[in-house]
C-alpha cells in the first residue's frame, strides 16, 4: 500500500487470540504495531503479529472499481 505521499507502507495483520470462537483480525500500518502490543499487554490479551505480504491496493483505485 502507498500513503498519500507516495511511499510504500508496510502492513501487519494483527490477530487477537482468545476473543471467542473466531479470533478477531485486522490490518494495521507499521506505525500502529507498538500501540497494539502495548494495549494487549495492559489488558492481558494475546496477539499474533504477522507482516502482510504482497501489495495491497487502496479501495477505489482498482480499474474494476472505476467502471
PDB file of N, CA and C in Angstrom:
ATOM      1  N   UNK A   1       0.862  -1.166   0.000  1.00  0.00           N
ATOM      2  CA  UNK A   1       0.000   0.000   0.000  1.00  0.00           C
ATOM      3  C   UNK A   1       0.906   1.227   0.000  1.00  0.00           C
ATOM      4  N   UNK A   2       0.462   2.276  -0.630  1.00  0.00           N
ATOM      5  CA  UNK A   2       1.220   3.513  -0.614  1.00  0.00           C
ATOM      6  C   UNK A   2       0.424   4.564   0.116  1.00  0.00           C
ATOM      7  N   UNK A   3       1.134   5.418   0.816  1.00  0.00           N
ATOM      8  CA  UNK A   3       0.467   6.501   1.525  1.00  0.00           C
ATOM      9  C   UNK A   3       0.192   7.632   0.556  1.00  0.00           C
ATOM     10  N   UNK A   4      -0.464   8.669   1.033  1.00  0.00           N
ATOM     11  CA  UNK A   4      -0.786   9.804   0.173  1.00  0.00           C
ATOM     12  C   UNK A   4       0.474  10.511  -0.310  1.00  0.00           C
ATOM     13  N   UNK A   5       1.597  10.327   0.394  1.00  0.00           N
ATOM     14  CA  UNK A   5       2.845  10.945  -0.032  1.00  0.00           C
ATOM     15  C   UNK A   5       3.579  10.077  -1.044  1.00  0.00           C
ATOM     16  N   UNK A   6       3.008   8.888  -1.375  1.00  0.00           N
ATOM     17  CA  UNK A   6       3.598   8.049  -2.386  1.00  0.00           C
ATOM     18  C   UNK A   6       4.573   7.015  -1.856  1.00  0.00           C
ATOM     19  N   UNK A   7       4.818   6.971  -0.558  1.00  0.00           N
ATOM     20  CA  UNK A   7       5.752   5.993  -0.007  1.00  0.00           C
ATOM     21  C   UNK A   7       5.033   4.671   0.261  1.00  0.00           C
ATOM     22  N   UNK A   8       5.781   3.576   0.181  1.00  0.00           N
ATOM     23  CA  UNK A   8       5.219   2.260   0.435  1.00  0.00           C
ATOM     24  C   UNK A   8       5.071   2.091   1.942  1.00  0.00           C
ATOM     25  N   UNK A   9       3.908   1.615   2.365  1.00  0.00           N
ATOM     26  CA  UNK A   9       3.615   1.439   3.779  1.00  0.00           C
ATOM     27  C   UNK A   9       3.588  -0.052   4.078  1.00  0.00           C
ATOM     28  N   UNK A  10       4.365  -0.482   5.077  1.00  0.00           N
ATOM     29  CA  UNK A  10       4.361  -1.881   5.489  1.00  0.00           C
ATOM     30  C   UNK A  10       3.131  -2.137   6.346  1.00  0.00           C
ATOM     31  N   UNK A  11       2.375  -3.164   5.996  1.00  0.00           N
ATOM     32  CA  UNK A  11       1.178  -3.517   6.741  1.00  0.00           C
ATOM     33  C   UNK A  11       1.415  -4.787   7.537  1.00  0.00           C
ATOM     34  N   UNK A  12       0.730  -4.886   8.669  1.00  0.00           N
ATOM     35  CA  UNK A  12       0.808  -6.062   9.525  1.00  0.00           C
ATOM     36  C   UNK A  12      -0.595  -6.540   9.829  1.00  0.00           C
ATOM     37  N   UNK A  13      -0.767  -7.859   9.873  1.00  0.00           N
ATOM     38  CA  UNK A  13      -2.042  -8.439  10.267  1.00  0.00           C
ATOM     39  C   UNK A  13      -1.962  -8.767  11.748  1.00  0.00           C
ATOM     40  N   UNK A  14      -2.891  -8.225  12.516  1.00  0.00           N
ATOM     41  CA  UNK A  14      -2.973  -8.443  13.953  1.00  0.00           C
ATOM     42  C   UNK A  14      -4.132  -9.390  14.215  1.00  0.00           C
ATOM     43  N   UNK A  15      -3.872 -10.494  14.915  1.00  0.00           N
ATOM     44  CA  UNK A  15      -4.926 -11.426  15.288  1.00  0.00           C
ATOM     45  C   UNK A  15      -5.015 -11.436  16.802  1.00  0.00           C
ATOM     46  N   UNK A  16      -6.199 -11.116  17.321  1.00  0.00           N
ATOM     47  CA  UNK A  16      -6.442 -11.127  18.763  1.00  0.00           C
ATOM     48  C   UNK A  16      -6.864 -12.542  19.142  1.00  0.00           C
ATOM     49  N   UNK A  17      -6.043 -13.219  19.941  1.00  0.00           N
ATOM     50  CA  UNK A  17      -6.295 -14.604  20.316  1.00  0.00           C
ATOM     51  C   UNK A  17      -7.156 -14.686  21.563  1.00  0.00           C
ATOM     52  N   UNK A  18      -7.984 -15.722  21.629  1.00  0.00           N
ATOM     53  CA  UNK A  18      -8.804 -15.954  22.804  1.00  0.00           C
ATOM     54  C   UNK A  18      -9.963 -15.000  22.964  1.00  0.00           C
ATOM     55  N   UNK A  19     -10.424 -14.407  21.873  1.00  0.00           N
ATOM     56  CA  UNK A  19     -11.536 -13.448  21.961  1.00  0.00           C
ATOM     57  C   UNK A  19     -12.866 -14.076  21.588  1.00  0.00           C
ATOM     58  N   UNK A  20     -12.878 -15.371  21.380  1.00  0.00           N
ATOM     59  CA  UNK A  20     -14.113 -16.062  21.012  1.00  0.00           C
ATOM     60  C   UNK A  20     -13.810 -17.208  20.076  1.00  0.00           C
ATOM     61  N   UNK A  21     -14.862 -17.814  19.529  1.00  0.00           N
ATOM     62  CA  UNK A  21     -14.650 -18.954  18.642  1.00  0.00           C
ATOM     63  C   UNK A  21     -13.850 -18.594  17.385  1.00  0.00           C
ATOM     64  N   UNK A  22     -14.051 -17.423  16.881  1.00  0.00           N
ATOM     65  CA  UNK A  22     -13.299 -16.934  15.725  1.00  0.00           C
ATOM     66  C   UNK A  22     -12.434 -15.765  16.172  1.00  0.00           C
ATOM     67  N   UNK A  23     -11.104 -15.902  16.091  1.00  0.00           N
ATOM     68  CA  UNK A  23     -10.242 -14.785  16.506  1.00  0.00           C
ATOM     69  C   UNK A  23     -10.498 -13.542  15.658  1.00  0.00           C
ATOM     70  N   UNK A  24     -10.457 -12.398  16.295  1.00  0.00           N
ATOM     71  CA  UNK A  24     -10.637 -11.131  15.586  1.00  0.00           C
ATOM     72  C   UNK A  24      -9.310 -10.750  14.941  1.00  0.00           C
ATOM     73  N   UNK A  25      -9.352 -10.319  13.698  1.00  0.00           N
ATOM     74  CA  UNK A  25      -8.138  -9.923  12.989  1.00  0.00           C
ATOM     75  C   UNK A  25      -8.356  -8.582  12.316  1.00  0.00           C
ATOM     76  N   UNK A  26      -7.277  -7.813  12.221  1.00  0.00           N
ATOM     77  CA  UNK A  26      -7.331  -6.545  11.498  1.00  0.00           C
ATOM     78  C   UNK A  26      -5.959  -6.231  10.945  1.00  0.00           C
ATOM     79  N   UNK A  27      -5.901  -5.305  10.034  1.00  0.00           N
ATOM     80  CA  UNK A  27      -4.647  -4.910   9.405  1.00  0.00           C
ATOM     81  C   UNK A  27      -4.291  -3.505   9.859  1.00  0.00           C
ATOM     82  N   UNK A  28      -3.025  -3.331  10.240  1.00  0.00           N
ATOM     83  CA  UNK A  28      -2.559  -2.020  10.681  1.00  0.00           C
ATOM     84  C   UNK A  28      -1.251  -1.683   9.990  1.00  0.00           C
ATOM     85  N   UNK A  29      -0.920  -0.401   9.992  1.00  0.00           N
ATOM     86  CA  UNK A  29       0.353   0.047   9.455  1.00  0.00           C
ATOM     87  C   UNK A  29       1.444  -0.193  10.495  1.00  0.00           C
ATOM     88  N   UNK A  30       2.677  -0.219  10.051  1.00  0.00           N
ATOM     89  CA  UNK A  30       3.809  -0.474  10.935  1.00  0.00           C
ATOM     90  C   UNK A  30       3.841   0.493  12.116  1.00  0.00           C
ATOM     91  N   UNK A  31       3.441   1.719  11.887  1.00  0.00           N
ATOM     92  CA  UNK A  31       3.474   2.733  12.944  1.00  0.00           C
ATOM     93  C   UNK A  31       2.480   2.442  14.067  1.00  0.00           C
ATOM     94  N   UNK A  32       1.502   1.556  13.830  1.00  0.00           N
ATOM     95  CA  UNK A  32       0.483   1.247  14.829  1.00  0.00           C
ATOM     96  C   UNK A  32       0.779  -0.021  15.635  1.00  0.00           C
ATOM     97  N   UNK A  33       1.758  -0.818  15.207  1.00  0.00           N
ATOM     98  CA  UNK A  33       2.025  -2.103  15.837  1.00  0.00           C
ATOM     99  C   UNK A  33       2.395  -1.948  17.307  1.00  0.00           C
ATOM    100  N   UNK A  34       3.241  -1.014  17.644  1.00  0.00           N
ATOM    101  CA  UNK A  34       3.654  -0.823  19.040  1.00  0.00           C
ATOM    102  C   UNK A  34       2.462  -0.509  19.932  1.00  0.00           C
ATOM    103  N   UNK A  35       1.532   0.304  19.449  1.00  0.00           N
ATOM    104  CA  UNK A  35       0.348   0.650  20.237  1.00  0.00           C
ATOM    105  C   UNK A  35      -0.543  -0.574  20.451  1.00  0.00           C
ATOM    106  N   UNK A  36      -0.664  -1.425  19.443  1.00  0.00           N
ATOM    107  CA  UNK A  36      -1.466  -2.643  19.573  1.00  0.00           C
ATOM    108  C   UNK A  36      -0.850  -3.562  20.620  1.00  0.00           C
ATOM    109  N   UNK A  37       0.464  -3.723  20.588  1.00  0.00           N
ATOM    110  CA  UNK A  37       1.152  -4.583  21.554  1.00  0.00           C
ATOM    111  C   UNK A  37       1.030  -4.011  22.961  1.00  0.00           C
ATOM    112  N   UNK A  38       1.168  -2.706  23.093  1.00  0.00           N
ATOM    113  CA  UNK A  38       1.028  -2.072  24.411  1.00  0.00           C
ATOM    114  C   UNK A  38      -0.388  -2.273  24.964  1.00  0.00           C
ATOM    115  N   UNK A  39      -1.388  -2.075  24.129  1.00  0.00           N
ATOM    116  CA  UNK A  39      -2.779  -2.274  24.545  1.00  0.00           C
ATOM    117  C   UNK A  39      -2.996  -3.715  24.998  1.00  0.00           C
ATOM    118  N   UNK A  40      -2.488  -4.660  24.219  1.00  0.00           N
ATOM    119  CA  UNK A  40      -2.655  -6.076  24.550  1.00  0.00           C
ATOM    120  C   UNK A  40      -2.006  -6.397  25.891  1.00  0.00           C
ATOM    121  N   UNK A  41      -0.829  -5.853  26.134  1.00  0.00           N
ATOM    122  CA  UNK A  41      -0.145  -6.091  27.405  1.00  0.00           C
ATOM    123  C   UNK A  41      -0.892  -5.512  28.589  1.00  0.00           C
ATOM    124  N   UNK A  42      -1.454  -4.341  28.416  1.00  0.00           N
ATOM    125  CA  UNK A  42      -2.195  -3.690  29.503  1.00  0.00           C
ATOM    126  C   UNK A  42      -3.491  -4.422  29.837  1.00  0.00           C
ATOM    127  N   UNK A  43      -4.090  -5.093  28.844  1.00  0.00           N
ATOM    128  CA  UNK A  43      -5.387  -5.737  29.032  1.00  0.00           C
ATOM    129  C   UNK A  43      -5.313  -7.265  29.083  1.00  0.00           C
ATOM    130  N   UNK A  44      -4.098  -7.809  29.103  1.00  0.00           N
ATOM    131  CA  UNK A  44      -3.929  -9.255  29.196  1.00  0.00           C
ATOM    132  C   UNK A  44      -4.437 -10.021  27.990  1.00  0.00           C
ATOM    133  N   UNK A  45      -4.354  -9.413  26.823  1.00  0.00           N
ATOM    134  CA  UNK A  45      -4.819 -10.037  25.583  1.00  0.00           C
ATOM    135  C   UNK A  45      -3.604 -10.533  24.810  1.00  0.00           C
ATOM    136  N   UNK A  46      -3.697 -11.731  24.259  1.00  0.00           N
ATOM    137  CA  UNK A  46      -2.621 -12.240  23.418  1.00  0.00           C
ATOM    138  C   UNK A  46      -2.888 -11.844  21.975  1.00  0.00           C
ATOM    139  N   UNK A  47      -1.843 -11.402  21.290  1.00  0.00           N
ATOM    140  CA  UNK A  47      -1.975 -11.038  19.879  1.00  0.00           C
ATOM    141  C   UNK A  47      -0.893 -11.734  19.065  1.00  0.00           C
ATOM    142  N   UNK A  48      -1.233 -12.025  17.848  1.00  0.00           N
ATOM    143  CA  UNK A  48      -0.295 -12.565  16.878  1.00  0.00           C
ATOM    144  C   UNK A  48      -0.072 -11.468  15.846  1.00  0.00           C
ATOM    145  N   UNK A  49       1.186 -11.111  15.609  1.00  0.00           N
ATOM    146  CA  UNK A  49       1.516 -10.045  14.668  1.00  0.00           C
ATOM    147  C   UNK A  49       2.293 -10.658  13.510  1.00  0.00           C
ATOM    148  N   UNK A  50       1.764 -10.488  12.296  1.00  0.00           N
ATOM    149  CA  UNK A  50       2.430 -11.020  11.117  1.00  0.00           C
ATOM    150  C   UNK A  50       2.511  -9.950  10.049  1.00  0.00           C
ATOM    151  N   UNK A  51       3.653  -9.866   9.367  1.00  0.00           N
ATOM    152  CA  UNK A  51       3.726  -8.925   8.249  1.00  0.00           C
ATOM    153  C   UNK A  51       2.799  -9.382   7.136  1.00  0.00           C
ATOM    154  N   UNK A  52       2.166  -8.428   6.515  1.00  0.00           N
ATOM    155  CA  UNK A  52       1.249  -8.717   5.407  1.00  0.00           C
ATOM    156  C   UNK A  52       2.067  -8.759   4.130  1.00  0.00           C
ATOM    157  N   UNK A  53       1.898  -9.790   3.349  1.00  0.00           N
ATOM    158  CA  UNK A  53       2.678  -9.939   2.114  1.00  0.00           C
ATOM    159  C   UNK A  53       1.915  -9.415   0.918  1.00  0.00           C
ATOM    160  N   UNK A  54       2.666  -8.984  -0.077  1.00  0.00           N
ATOM    161  CA  UNK A  54       2.056  -8.543  -1.327  1.00  0.00           C
ATOM    162  C   UNK A  54       1.549  -7.117  -1.255  1.00  0.00           C
ATOM    163  N   UNK A  55       1.281  -6.577  -2.405  1.00  0.00           N
ATOM    164  CA  UNK A  55       0.765  -5.215  -2.492  1.00  0.00           C
ATOM    165  C   UNK A  55      -0.707  -5.193  -2.123  1.00  0.00           C
ATOM    166  N   UNK A  56      -1.089  -4.222  -1.385  1.00  0.00           N
ATOM    167  CA  UNK A  56      -2.488  -4.008  -1.044  1.00  0.00           C
ATOM    168  C   UNK A  56      -2.889  -2.690  -1.660  1.00  0.00           C
ATOM    169  N   UNK A  57      -3.931  -2.739  -2.495  1.00  0.00           N
ATOM    170  CA  UNK A  57      -4.381  -1.514  -3.145  1.00  0.00           C
ATOM    171  C   UNK A  57      -5.398  -0.800  -2.277  1.00  0.00           C
ATOM    172  N   UNK A  58      -5.339   0.511  -2.313  1.00  0.00           N
ATOM    173  CA  UNK A  58      -6.316   1.299  -1.579  1.00  0.00           C
ATOM    174  C   UNK A  58      -7.683   1.130  -2.233  1.00  0.00           C
ATOM    175  N   UNK A  59      -8.759   1.121  -1.442  1.00  0.00           N
ATOM    176  CA  UNK A  59     -10.097   0.971  -2.019  1.00  0.00           C
ATOM    177  C   UNK A  59     -10.367   2.041  -3.071  1.00  0.00           C
ATOM    178  N   UNK A  60     -11.009   1.628  -4.162  1.00  0.00           N
ATOM    179  CA  UNK A  60     -11.383   2.582  -5.189  1.00  0.00           C
ATOM    180  C   UNK A  60     -10.285   2.889  -6.191  1.00  0.00           C
ATOM    181  N   UNK A  61      -9.111   2.233  -6.081  1.00  0.00           N
ATOM    182  CA  UNK A  61      -8.029   2.522  -7.012  1.00  0.00           C
ATOM    183  C   UNK A  61      -7.866   1.445  -8.075  1.00  0.00           C
ATOM    184  N   UNK A  62      -8.588   0.324  -7.928  1.00  0.00           N
ATOM    185  CA  UNK A  62      -8.500  -0.731  -8.917  1.00  0.00           C
ATOM    186  C   UNK A  62      -9.269  -0.330 -10.165  1.00  0.00           C
ATOM    187  N   UNK A  63      -8.839  -0.827 -11.310  1.00  0.00           N
ATOM    188  CA  UNK A  63      -9.505  -0.497 -12.575  1.00  0.00           C
ATOM    189  C   UNK A  63     -10.947  -0.955 -12.570  1.00  0.00           C
ATOM    190  N   UNK A  64     -11.224  -2.128 -11.937  1.00  0.00           N
ATOM    191  CA  UNK A  64     -12.592  -2.637 -11.905  1.00  0.00           C
ATOM    192  C   UNK A  64     -13.521  -1.706 -11.130  1.00  0.00           C
ATOM    193  N   UNK A  65     -12.992  -1.026 -10.103  1.00  0.00           N
ATOM    194  CA  UNK A  65     -13.792  -0.105  -9.296  1.00  0.00           C
ATOM    195  C   UNK A  65     -14.185   1.141 -10.095  1.00  0.00           C
ATOM    196  N   UNK A  66     -13.380   1.502 -11.060  1.00  0.00           N
ATOM    197  CA  UNK A  66     -13.620   2.733 -11.803  1.00  0.00           C
ATOM    198  C   UNK A  66     -14.715   2.569 -12.842  1.00  0.00           C
ATOM    199  N   UNK A  67     -15.018   1.360 -13.254  1.00  0.00           N
ATOM    200  CA  UNK A  67     -16.016   1.177 -14.308  1.00  0.00           C
ATOM    201  C   UNK A  67     -17.415   1.040 -13.779  1.00  0.00           C
TER     202      UNK A  67
END
